[in-house]
Structures are given as C-alpha cells and as structure tokens.
C-alpha cells in the first residue's frame, strides 16, 4: 500500500494504540481522533464513577505522544443521542433487547467519524477492531472477514458496514492475536500496554443495568407466570428483562426433582417470553426448557455487506450467530430481501431474543445480518 493519510480512532485502549503504531511503521501519515460519545460523564459525579471517558482521553493522548502523532478530541455526543441512544430507549420500551454497540459502529464510528476523517483529508480510517477487510478479486466487492483471533473476533458488531464504509476502513490488529498485540505494546513502551479491556457501553459502564434504565423508562409492574399460567411473582416492568435472563427475577425456585425436604438445590428460573399486551412476563424452570429453544427466526432491518442478499453462495452451507458470545450455528437462509430474511437452524438455538442481531457467515466471510423480529420456539 502506498503512503496514505490515515485517521485512527484512538480509544485509549491497547488495540487502537497498536493499530496506530503498525500504520505508522508502514510509513503512513497517521492522525489520531478520540471520540467522545457520551456527555454526562463530565458533569454527573455518578456517571464519572462508571464511565471512563476522561481517563481514556488521557491514555489516548499519552499514546499519541509516545508515537509522535497528532490527536484531536471530537465530540459526537449529540449524534450518539440522536442516532443510537434514542433508538436504544425506543427498543427497550417496546420490550425488545437492542444492541447499541452495533448501531454505534454503523452510525458513529463508521459514519460520523468517517465523515469527519474525510474532511481532514484522510484516504482511509482505521480502528482497533478484531476483524479484516479484503477486496474480492473476482467480484471487486469489499468483504468483511472475521479476525484471526477467534476469541476476539468482532465482525458480529460490524455486520452493518456497507461497501462505501468497508472500502475506506482498515483493521490492522484483525490480522493478529490479542497476545501479540499486548506483546507489541509492551515492547515499544506504550503506557497502556497492560490496560484492562473495556467492557460494555460507556453510558452504562459497570453500574447495575436496571438502575440505569430507571432514569429513562418508567416502571409498569405486572405478573410473572409459569407455563401453567400460575402467577409466581411480580415483575417491575417488561422493559427491564431480557429472554434467557436468570438473575433478578425474585422467584423462589422449586426444589430439584427428587430432592429431600430441607436439602437439594433449586432449579433456576429463566425469562422465556414477554407479553406486552397483557404486561405479563413468562418464566420457565431449567436452562433447556422447550420455550427457550428455537429452530428458526425472522429478521428485519437487514443490512448486507455486498449491498444485496447473498446470491452466489451455497445457501445451505451458511452459519449464523444470534448473540455475540456464541459459536457459529449451521443454518439455511430463506425469504431474503433487501430488508428481511428467515433462518432455519439444524440445531435448537437458546433464548433467541427480539432486538438482538442475527449475523450470517459464509465461512470467515460476514455476509451481513438483521434485527431479530421473532423466533419459533418449541412447545
């Protein structure tokens, strides 16, 4: 690759720091941008305790100093609230469980940030995501591939990127394993070489999730019922629960079958269904209960990396994830349009959750995905 001006999203973490280092080593002109996406962490003492934006900027600036590159602090908080957070709240109020990180990538990191970088005269942008981009020599299309480190692959969160975005994007650490990234950072003396990986989304951070939602969504208590229709407890509001949830239900579990009085363990309860019309939460006992198993799903708001549904792949040999921390599951794609599709799995999928994303793969190539609308569960 000839020398280019590349703008790197410096988050304060080790992955983006090594990304900037690798590109500079290749002879590119590298500029760092620190994106601030959440406003309250400066003014709200409680937020600053959970959201590390200020600390992250200090770390990003220290990395830029060591690497000898410029860094600019850019505030995308208004775009984030309009394009990501407002949608996040709408989905929760509708009883679904959204994934704001996916929307943030599509709307902020690879739209607002990309637009800003282009105004700076950048030819490419780069981030510290564990994924890869290549141009298919046969089709000329840019493809999104899994990162080489299977434990860190982040293509699931990037599946909404389109051809224009992929053509302008580099993922240097996607070619490496995390251990190698840490080794490089330590070897060149980066100040954040041993910094712990961030988890979750900044506006929630480490605070209890229900406590955060309380600030934006009103509680509407209702019954929790078992499969026989018996009311076994009360919920605080359907928005505060997600399918497959085990903790925080406030249900006294029944003893495991065969347990002696005063002994044995409780069989755990899981959220299995949410009925918004009757404000009822349905719970079942046991991880493998039929209500938690789905053989098919429908998805909407689809996004295809090629710009259209797959046509020239063996549709019977595809695989999908219905949540990030999940192995690929063999499936068949059907009814695929520019906006919707259906997936039929060869093995049952656990707690397929409306609002989450179903992401489709052909081997290492991420084809795109969509927002889960419904799933067919066993009875």
Protein backbone atom coordinates (compact mmCIF):
# COMPACT_ATOMS: atom_id res chain seq x y z
CA UNK A 1 0.00 0.00 0.00
CA UNK A 2 1.36 3.43 -0.93
CA UNK A 3 1.76 6.07 1.77
CA UNK A 4 -1.64 7.44 2.78
CA UNK A 5 -3.16 9.81 5.30
CA UNK A 6 -4.98 7.53 7.75
CA UNK A 7 -7.10 8.72 10.66
CA UNK A 8 -7.15 6.26 13.56
CA UNK A 9 -9.87 6.14 16.20
CA UNK A 10 -7.76 6.21 19.39
CA UNK A 11 -9.97 4.99 22.24
CA UNK A 12 -7.34 4.93 24.97
CA UNK A 13 -7.14 1.15 24.74
CA UNK A 14 -4.25 -1.03 23.65
CA UNK A 15 -5.84 -2.28 20.41
CA UNK A 16 -6.26 1.14 18.81
CA UNK A 17 -2.83 2.19 20.11
CA UNK A 18 -1.13 -0.74 18.35
CA UNK A 19 -3.25 -0.03 15.26
CA UNK A 20 -1.76 3.48 15.06
CA UNK A 21 1.75 2.13 15.67
CA UNK A 22 1.51 -0.51 12.92
CA UNK A 23 0.26 2.01 10.36
CA UNK A 24 3.00 4.49 11.23
CA UNK A 25 5.57 1.71 10.89
CA UNK A 26 4.26 1.11 7.38
CA UNK A 27 5.09 4.71 6.53
CA UNK A 28 1.61 6.22 6.57
CA UNK A 29 0.74 9.67 7.86
CA UNK A 30 -1.27 8.84 10.96
CA UNK A 31 -3.63 11.19 12.80
CA UNK A 32 -5.44 10.16 15.99
CA UNK A 33 -9.04 11.04 16.81
CA UNK A 34 -10.54 10.49 20.26
CA UNK A 35 -14.33 10.18 20.04
CA UNK A 36 -16.43 11.35 22.95
CA UNK A 37 -19.88 9.81 22.59
CA UNK A 38 -21.48 10.42 25.98
CA UNK A 39 -21.92 13.81 27.59
CA UNK A 40 -22.88 13.25 31.21
CA UNK A 41 -19.56 11.84 32.39
CA UNK A 42 -18.12 15.36 32.94
CA UNK A 43 -20.98 16.87 34.90
CA UNK A 44 -22.51 13.93 36.73
CA UNK A 45 -20.39 12.57 39.56
CA UNK A 46 -22.20 9.24 39.46
CA UNK A 47 -21.55 8.87 35.73
CA UNK A 48 -17.89 9.75 36.05
CA UNK A 49 -17.58 6.87 38.52
CA UNK A 50 -18.72 4.41 35.86
CA UNK A 51 -17.77 5.96 32.51
CA UNK A 52 -14.04 6.39 31.96
CA UNK A 53 -14.10 8.87 29.06
CA UNK A 54 -11.80 11.40 30.70
CA UNK A 55 -9.28 8.74 31.75
CA UNK A 56 -9.44 7.19 28.29
CA UNK A 57 -8.62 10.50 26.63
CA UNK A 58 -5.58 10.97 28.88
CA UNK A 59 -4.42 7.46 27.88
CA UNK A 60 -5.05 8.15 24.18
CA UNK A 61 -3.11 11.42 24.38
CA UNK A 62 -0.21 9.63 26.11
CA UNK A 63 -0.14 7.03 23.31
CA UNK A 64 -0.14 9.78 20.66
CA UNK A 65 2.79 11.44 22.45
CA UNK A 66 4.83 8.21 22.50
CA UNK A 67 4.07 7.52 18.83
CA UNK A 68 4.69 11.13 17.78
CA UNK A 69 1.31 11.66 16.12
CA UNK A 70 -1.32 14.38 16.40
CA UNK A 71 -4.53 13.71 18.31
CA UNK A 72 -7.84 15.55 18.14
CA UNK A 73 -10.68 15.33 20.66
CA UNK A 74 -14.03 15.23 18.82
CA UNK A 75 -17.43 15.31 20.50
CA UNK A 76 -20.07 13.12 18.83
CA UNK A 77 -22.41 13.13 21.85
CA UNK A 78 -25.33 14.81 20.06
CA UNK A 79 -25.08 12.38 17.13
CA UNK A 80 -24.87 9.49 19.58
CA UNK A 81 -28.01 10.57 21.44
CA UNK A 82 -29.96 11.16 18.23
CA UNK A 83 -28.86 8.09 16.29
CA UNK A 84 -28.02 5.48 18.94
CA UNK A 85 -29.33 6.24 22.43
CA UNK A 86 -32.83 7.32 21.36
CA UNK A 87 -33.18 4.08 19.36
CA UNK A 88 -31.82 2.12 22.36
CA UNK A 89 -34.59 3.54 24.57
CA UNK A 90 -37.32 3.01 21.95
CA UNK A 91 -36.41 -0.64 21.62
CA UNK A 92 -36.40 -1.26 25.37
CA UNK A 93 -39.74 0.50 25.77
CA UNK A 94 -41.13 -1.82 23.07
CA UNK A 95 -39.99 -4.85 25.09
CA UNK A 96 -37.05 -5.77 22.87
CA UNK A 97 -33.34 -6.01 23.75
CA UNK A 98 -31.25 -3.86 21.38
CA UNK A 99 -27.51 -3.97 20.79
CA UNK A 100 -26.32 -0.33 20.87
CA UNK A 101 -22.71 -1.26 20.04
CA UNK A 102 -23.82 -2.43 16.57
CA UNK A 103 -25.73 0.79 15.96
CA UNK A 104 -22.81 2.85 17.29
CA UNK A 105 -20.45 1.27 14.79
CA UNK A 106 -22.83 1.89 11.87
CA UNK A 107 -23.89 5.42 12.84
CA UNK A 108 -20.95 6.91 14.75
CA UNK A 109 -17.63 5.13 14.24
CA UNK A 110 -18.12 4.41 10.56
CA UNK A 111 -20.38 7.31 9.63
CA UNK A 112 -19.92 10.44 11.77
CA UNK A 113 -16.25 9.60 12.44
CA UNK A 114 -15.63 8.56 8.83
CA UNK A 115 -17.18 11.79 7.55
CA UNK A 116 -15.02 13.83 9.95
CA UNK A 117 -11.89 11.97 8.85
CA UNK A 118 -12.65 12.61 5.18
CA UNK A 119 -12.96 16.33 5.95
CA UNK A 120 -9.43 16.10 7.37
CA UNK A 121 -8.23 14.81 4.02
CA UNK A 122 -7.96 11.17 5.08
CA UNK A 123 -7.82 8.46 2.47
CA UNK A 124 -8.66 5.72 5.00
CA UNK A 125 -9.75 5.32 8.61
CA UNK A 126 -8.61 2.59 10.99
CA UNK A 127 -9.84 1.24 14.32
CA UNK A 128 -8.69 -1.39 16.77
CA UNK A 129 -11.45 -3.87 15.94
CA UNK A 130 -10.58 -7.56 15.54
CA UNK A 131 -11.87 -8.05 12.01
CA UNK A 132 -10.46 -7.93 8.47
CA UNK A 133 -11.37 -6.34 5.15
CA UNK A 134 -10.36 -7.63 1.73
CA UNK A 135 -11.37 -6.91 -1.84
CA UNK A 136 -12.58 -9.99 -3.67
CA UNK A 137 -10.63 -10.14 -6.97
CA UNK A 138 -13.47 -11.98 -8.74
CA UNK A 139 -16.33 -9.66 -7.77
CA UNK A 140 -14.46 -6.47 -6.92
CA UNK A 141 -16.55 -6.24 -3.74
CA UNK A 142 -15.07 -5.49 -0.34
CA UNK A 143 -15.65 -8.30 2.14
CA UNK A 144 -15.79 -8.23 5.93
CA UNK A 145 -13.94 -11.17 7.48
CA UNK A 146 -13.60 -12.50 10.99
CA UNK A 147 -10.49 -11.51 12.94
CA UNK A 148 -7.78 -14.17 13.07
CA UNK A 149 -8.10 -14.45 16.87
CA UNK A 150 -11.34 -16.43 17.32
CA UNK A 151 -11.61 -15.38 20.95
CA UNK A 152 -11.60 -11.69 20.00
CA UNK A 153 -13.37 -11.61 16.61
CA UNK A 154 -15.68 -8.57 16.44
CA UNK A 155 -17.20 -8.97 12.98
CA UNK A 156 -20.58 -9.56 14.67
CA UNK A 157 -20.62 -5.90 15.77
CA UNK A 158 -19.52 -4.68 12.32
CA UNK A 159 -22.00 -6.54 10.12
CA UNK A 160 -23.91 -3.37 9.16
CA UNK A 161 -20.93 -1.82 7.36
CA UNK A 162 -21.58 -1.21 3.66
CA UNK A 163 -19.30 -1.17 0.63
CA UNK A 164 -18.52 2.54 0.91
CA UNK A 165 -17.52 2.14 4.56
CA UNK A 166 -15.53 -1.07 4.07
CA UNK A 167 -13.61 0.43 1.15
CA UNK A 168 -12.33 3.20 3.43
CA UNK A 169 -11.58 1.08 6.51
CA UNK A 170 -8.53 -0.75 7.85
CA UNK A 171 -8.39 -3.20 10.78
CA UNK A 172 -4.65 -3.88 11.31
CA UNK A 173 -4.99 -5.86 14.57
CA UNK A 174 -7.52 -8.16 12.93
CA UNK A 175 -4.52 -9.97 11.48
CA UNK A 176 -3.12 -10.60 14.98
CA UNK A 177 -3.95 -12.45 18.16
CA UNK A 178 -4.53 -10.40 21.30
CA UNK A 179 -1.41 -11.81 22.95
CA UNK A 180 0.67 -10.48 20.05
CA UNK A 181 -0.97 -7.04 20.33
CA UNK A 182 -0.10 -6.93 24.04
CA UNK A 183 3.46 -8.04 23.28
CA UNK A 184 3.95 -5.28 20.69
CA UNK A 185 2.53 -2.64 23.04
CA UNK A 186 4.84 -3.74 25.84
CA UNK A 187 7.86 -3.98 23.53
CA UNK A 188 7.54 -0.39 22.27
CA UNK A 189 6.72 1.01 25.69
CA UNK A 190 3.13 2.09 25.21
CA UNK A 191 1.73 3.45 28.51
CA UNK A 192 -1.48 1.42 28.18
CA UNK A 193 0.17 -1.90 27.27
CA UNK A 194 -1.38 -3.65 30.28
CA UNK A 195 -4.63 -1.67 30.41
CA UNK A 196 -7.67 -3.83 31.04
CA UNK A 197 -10.05 -4.23 28.08
CA UNK A 198 -13.19 -2.14 28.37
CA UNK A 199 -16.49 -3.96 28.69
CA UNK A 200 -19.99 -2.82 27.90
CA UNK A 201 -21.16 0.50 26.60
CA UNK A 202 -19.90 3.68 28.17
CA UNK A 203 -23.18 5.24 29.26
CA UNK A 204 -23.91 2.19 31.43
CA UNK A 205 -20.38 1.13 32.36
CA UNK A 206 -20.19 -1.05 35.44
CA UNK A 207 -23.35 0.30 37.08
CA UNK A 208 -26.35 -2.04 37.57
CA UNK A 209 -28.29 -2.08 34.31
CA UNK A 210 -31.74 -1.80 35.88
CA UNK A 211 -30.60 1.19 37.91
CA UNK A 212 -29.56 2.94 34.70
CA UNK A 213 -32.80 2.19 32.83
CA UNK A 214 -34.78 3.52 35.81
CA UNK A 215 -33.63 7.00 34.90
CA UNK A 216 -35.26 6.85 31.46
CA UNK A 217 -38.03 4.24 31.49
CA UNK A 218 -40.96 4.18 33.91
CA UNK A 219 -41.81 1.02 35.81
CA UNK A 220 -45.01 -0.85 34.99
CA UNK A 221 -45.24 -3.81 37.39
CA UNK A 222 -47.14 -6.94 36.39
CA UNK A 223 -47.32 -10.68 36.94
CA UNK A 224 -44.64 -13.29 36.35
CA UNK A 225 -46.34 -16.52 35.31
CA UNK A 226 -45.17 -20.09 34.85
CA UNK A 227 -46.11 -22.25 31.81
CA UNK A 228 -49.29 -23.40 33.62
CA UNK A 229 -50.48 -19.81 33.91
CA UNK A 230 -49.89 -19.56 37.64
CA UNK A 231 -48.69 -16.19 38.96
CA UNK A 232 -45.46 -16.90 40.82
CA UNK A 233 -44.08 -13.40 41.36
CA UNK A 234 -44.28 -9.77 40.23
CA UNK A 235 -42.01 -8.03 37.70
CA UNK A 236 -41.08 -4.33 37.83
CA UNK A 237 -41.68 -3.68 34.12
CA UNK A 238 -41.13 -5.79 30.98
CA UNK A 239 -38.50 -3.37 29.66
CA UNK A 240 -36.17 -4.39 32.48
CA UNK A 241 -35.92 -8.07 31.47
CA UNK A 242 -34.49 -10.00 28.54
CA UNK A 243 -35.08 -13.53 27.29
CA UNK A 244 -32.81 -16.06 28.95
CA UNK A 245 -32.28 -13.83 31.99
CA UNK A 246 -31.73 -15.79 35.18
CA UNK A 247 -30.75 -13.26 37.82
CA UNK A 248 -33.03 -10.68 39.43
CA UNK A 249 -36.37 -12.43 38.93
CA UNK A 250 -37.24 -12.65 42.62
CA UNK A 251 -38.73 -16.12 42.26
CA UNK A 252 -38.28 -18.73 44.94
CA UNK A 253 -37.24 -21.77 42.94
CA UNK A 254 -38.79 -25.19 43.29
CA UNK A 255 -36.55 -27.94 44.55
CA UNK A 256 -34.87 -30.21 42.03
CA UNK A 257 -36.96 -33.30 41.40
CA UNK A 258 -36.14 -35.97 43.93
CA UNK A 259 -34.53 -33.60 46.41
CA UNK A 260 -35.23 -34.39 50.04
CA UNK A 261 -37.09 -31.92 52.22
CA UNK A 262 -34.63 -29.39 53.56
CA UNK A 263 -31.99 -30.38 51.02
CA UNK A 264 -31.20 -30.28 47.33
CA UNK A 265 -30.81 -27.31 45.03
CA UNK A 266 -33.37 -25.09 43.36
CA UNK A 267 -33.89 -25.47 39.62
CA UNK A 268 -33.25 -21.96 38.28
CA UNK A 269 -35.92 -19.87 36.57
CA UNK A 270 -35.33 -18.14 33.22
CA UNK A 271 -37.26 -15.43 31.39
CA UNK A 272 -38.86 -17.19 28.40
CA UNK A 273 -41.50 -14.84 26.98
CA UNK A 274 -42.75 -11.26 27.28
CA UNK A 275 -46.37 -10.37 26.52
CA UNK A 276 -46.58 -6.60 26.08
CA UNK A 277 -50.38 -6.62 25.60
CA UNK A 278 -51.08 -8.18 28.98
CA UNK A 279 -47.89 -6.91 30.66
CA UNK A 280 -47.01 -10.50 31.58
CA UNK A 281 -43.56 -12.00 32.00
CA UNK A 282 -43.41 -15.76 31.45
CA UNK A 283 -40.72 -17.74 33.24
CA UNK A 284 -39.68 -21.37 32.97
CA UNK A 285 -37.52 -23.69 35.03
CA UNK A 286 -34.36 -25.20 33.60
CA UNK A 287 -31.88 -23.99 31.00
CA UNK A 288 -33.12 -26.50 28.42
CA UNK A 289 -36.85 -25.83 28.70
CA UNK A 290 -38.56 -26.07 25.25
CA UNK A 291 -39.75 -22.45 25.44
CA UNK A 292 -36.10 -21.37 25.37
CA UNK A 293 -35.27 -23.38 22.23
CA UNK A 294 -35.82 -22.05 18.70
CA UNK A 295 -35.31 -23.76 15.35
CA UNK A 296 -36.00 -20.69 13.18
CA UNK A 297 -36.23 -16.92 13.26
CA UNK A 298 -37.26 -13.97 11.13
CA UNK A 299 -35.23 -10.78 10.96
CA UNK A 300 -35.92 -7.26 9.73
CA UNK A 301 -33.92 -4.07 9.12
CA UNK A 302 -31.42 -6.27 7.27
CA UNK A 303 -28.04 -4.98 6.13
CA UNK A 304 -25.92 -6.82 3.56
CA UNK A 305 -22.21 -6.04 3.20
CA UNK A 306 -22.44 -6.64 -0.56
CA UNK A 307 -25.43 -4.30 -0.83
CA UNK A 308 -27.88 -7.13 -1.59
CA UNK A 309 -28.79 -10.55 -0.15
CA UNK A 310 -26.34 -13.36 -0.91
CA UNK A 311 -26.91 -14.87 -4.34
CA UNK A 312 -23.74 -16.70 -5.34
CA UNK A 313 -23.08 -18.72 -2.18
CA UNK A 314 -24.25 -22.17 -1.15
CA UNK A 315 -27.19 -21.06 0.99
CA UNK A 316 -27.38 -24.48 2.63
CA UNK A 317 -23.84 -24.19 3.99
CA UNK A 318 -24.17 -20.93 5.90
CA UNK A 319 -23.91 -20.30 9.63
CA UNK A 320 -25.18 -17.60 11.95
CA UNK A 321 -24.83 -16.12 15.40
CA UNK A 322 -27.85 -14.84 17.30
CA UNK A 323 -25.66 -13.31 20.02
CA UNK A 324 -22.01 -12.29 20.21
CA UNK A 325 -20.62 -14.88 22.61
CA UNK A 326 -21.81 -17.85 20.59
CA UNK A 327 -20.33 -20.38 18.22
CA UNK A 328 -21.49 -20.27 14.61
CA UNK A 329 -24.60 -22.41 14.11
CA UNK A 330 -25.38 -24.10 10.81
CA UNK A 331 -28.48 -22.69 9.15
CA UNK A 332 -30.38 -22.24 5.90
CA UNK A 333 -31.23 -18.76 4.64
CA UNK A 334 -34.65 -18.19 3.05
CA UNK A 335 -37.02 -15.36 2.12
CA UNK A 336 -34.07 -12.98 1.88
CA UNK A 337 -34.85 -9.48 0.61
CA UNK A 338 -33.01 -6.20 0.94
CA UNK A 339 -34.74 -5.70 4.30
CA UNK A 340 -35.83 -9.07 5.73
CA UNK A 341 -34.84 -12.73 5.90
CA UNK A 342 -35.54 -16.01 7.68
CA UNK A 343 -33.09 -18.51 9.13
CA UNK A 344 -33.73 -22.20 9.79
CA UNK A 345 -31.23 -23.93 12.08
CA UNK A 346 -30.15 -27.56 12.16
CA UNK A 347 -29.81 -27.44 15.97
CA UNK A 348 -32.00 -25.60 18.51
CA UNK A 349 -30.85 -22.08 19.41
CA UNK A 350 -31.10 -20.94 23.01
CA UNK A 351 -33.05 -17.81 24.04
CA UNK A 352 -33.22 -16.15 20.61
CA UNK A 353 -34.05 -12.58 21.59
CA UNK A 354 -36.03 -9.99 19.59
CA UNK A 355 -34.00 -6.80 19.21
CA UNK A 356 -30.67 -8.62 19.11
CA UNK A 357 -28.95 -9.26 15.79
CA UNK A 358 -28.74 -12.44 13.73
CA UNK A 359 -25.47 -12.26 11.78
CA UNK A 360 -24.81 -14.53 8.81
CA UNK A 361 -21.47 -16.08 7.76
CA UNK A 362 -20.09 -17.99 4.82
CA UNK A 363 -17.00 -19.45 6.46
CA UNK A 364 -14.93 -16.48 7.63
CA UNK A 365 -16.86 -14.00 5.48
CA UNK A 366 -19.54 -11.97 7.24
CA UNK A 367 -22.42 -11.51 4.80
CA UNK A 368 -24.48 -9.15 6.95
CA UNK A 369 -27.42 -9.60 9.26
CA UNK A 370 -30.60 -8.14 10.66
CA UNK A 371 -32.54 -7.40 13.82
CA UNK A 372 -34.38 -10.44 15.18
CA UNK A 373 -38.13 -9.86 14.95
CA UNK A 374 -39.42 -13.24 16.12
CA UNK A 375 -38.35 -16.81 16.76
CA UNK A 376 -40.20 -20.11 16.61
CA UNK A 377 -39.77 -21.91 19.92
CA UNK A 378 -40.55 -25.49 20.73
CA UNK A 379 -43.55 -26.21 22.94
